Amino acid sequence: MEETERPAAGARPSGGGMGGESAPAWLGVSDVQRYLGISRPLVYRLIHEGTIPSIRLGRAIRVSRTALDRALESLDPHAN
C-alpha cells in the first residue's frame, strides 16, 4: 500500500496565499493589512469609514480584492 502525503492541520490549499500564482478573490483583515502594508487598526478604521468596501459573514469581515483595487484607484493621491 502506498502512503499519500497529507497537508498539515489548518493548511490552506496551494495557490491560496498572497504570494501564490493566483490571488484569492476575498481577503480577510490580515490579508488586506499585508496587501496594503498598513496597520490592523487602520484597516478596521478604513472599513468602518467605508473607504475599504467590505462585507460581514457572521463575525468575519471579508474584502473583495477587485472592489479594493477599484477603491484604491478612485482615491485622490493629492488628498492630504
Protein backbone atom coordinates (compact mmCIF):
# COMPACT_ATOMS: atom_id res chain seq x y z
CA MET A 1 0.00 0.00 0.00
CA GLU A 2 1.31 3.41 -0.96
CA GLU A 3 1.36 6.27 1.58
CA THR A 4 -0.10 9.56 0.45
CA GLU A 5 1.06 12.92 1.68
CA ARG A 6 -1.47 14.87 3.74
CA PRO A 7 -1.50 18.62 4.29
CA ALA A 8 -0.78 19.81 7.83
CA ALA A 9 -3.76 20.60 10.04
CA GLY A 10 -5.12 24.04 9.19
CA ALA A 11 -3.09 24.25 5.97
CA ARG A 12 -4.68 26.04 3.03
CA PRO A 13 -4.72 24.59 -0.47
CA SER A 14 -1.73 25.64 -2.55
CA GLY A 15 -2.13 28.79 -4.61
CA GLY A 16 -4.31 30.47 -1.99
CA GLY A 17 -1.63 32.60 -0.38
CA MET A 18 -0.89 36.23 -1.11
CA GLY A 19 2.32 35.33 -2.95
CA GLY A 20 0.87 32.36 -4.88
CA GLU A 21 0.19 32.12 -8.57
CA SER A 22 -3.46 33.07 -8.14
CA ALA A 23 -4.53 35.59 -5.54
CA PRO A 24 -7.70 34.90 -3.54
CA ALA A 25 -10.83 36.78 -4.60
CA TRP A 26 -11.78 37.58 -0.99
CA LEU A 27 -9.39 38.90 1.65
CA GLY A 28 -9.54 38.89 5.42
CA VAL A 29 -8.39 41.85 7.51
CA SER A 30 -4.86 40.46 7.93
CA ASP A 31 -4.65 39.86 4.16
CA VAL A 32 -5.65 43.50 3.49
CA GLN A 33 -3.11 44.62 6.08
CA ARG A 34 -0.29 42.75 4.30
CA TYR A 35 -1.53 43.73 0.82
CA LEU A 36 -1.54 47.44 1.65
CA GLY A 37 1.34 47.44 4.14
CA ILE A 38 -0.69 49.24 6.82
CA SER A 39 -1.58 48.55 10.45
CA ARG A 40 -4.51 46.39 11.52
CA PRO A 41 -6.27 49.27 13.34
CA LEU A 42 -6.01 51.40 10.19
CA VAL A 43 -7.60 48.62 8.12
CA TYR A 44 -10.53 48.48 10.57
CA ARG A 45 -10.85 52.29 10.52
CA LEU A 46 -10.89 52.42 6.71
CA ILE A 47 -13.51 49.66 6.62
CA HIS A 48 -15.62 51.48 9.23
CA GLU A 49 -15.37 54.76 7.25
CA GLY A 50 -16.34 52.97 4.03
CA THR A 51 -13.06 53.73 2.28
CA ILE A 52 -12.46 49.98 2.01
CA PRO A 53 -15.66 48.20 0.89
CA SER A 54 -16.37 45.07 2.89
CA ILE A 55 -18.99 42.54 3.87
CA ARG A 56 -19.61 40.74 7.14
CA LEU A 57 -20.16 36.99 7.23
CA GLY A 58 -21.08 36.36 10.84
CA ARG A 59 -18.13 37.75 12.76
CA ALA A 60 -15.77 37.59 9.78
CA ILE A 61 -15.04 40.63 7.65
CA ARG A 62 -14.22 39.98 4.00
CA VAL A 63 -12.99 42.40 1.35
CA SER A 64 -13.28 41.74 -2.37
CA ARG A 65 -9.85 42.14 -3.95
CA THR A 66 -11.49 43.61 -7.08
CA ALA A 67 -13.53 46.14 -5.07
CA LEU A 68 -10.45 47.04 -3.00
CA ASP A 69 -8.37 47.67 -6.12
CA ARG A 70 -11.17 49.81 -7.61
CA ALA A 71 -11.49 51.79 -4.36
CA LEU A 72 -7.75 52.41 -4.28
CA GLU A 73 -7.74 53.58 -7.91
CA SER A 74 -10.53 56.07 -7.18
CA LEU A 75 -8.69 57.73 -4.28
CA ASP A 76 -7.20 61.16 -4.93
CA PRO A 77 -3.41 60.84 -4.49
CA HIS A 78 -3.20 64.55 -3.60
CA ALA A 79 -5.87 64.49 -0.87
CA ASN A 80 -3.81 65.30 2.23
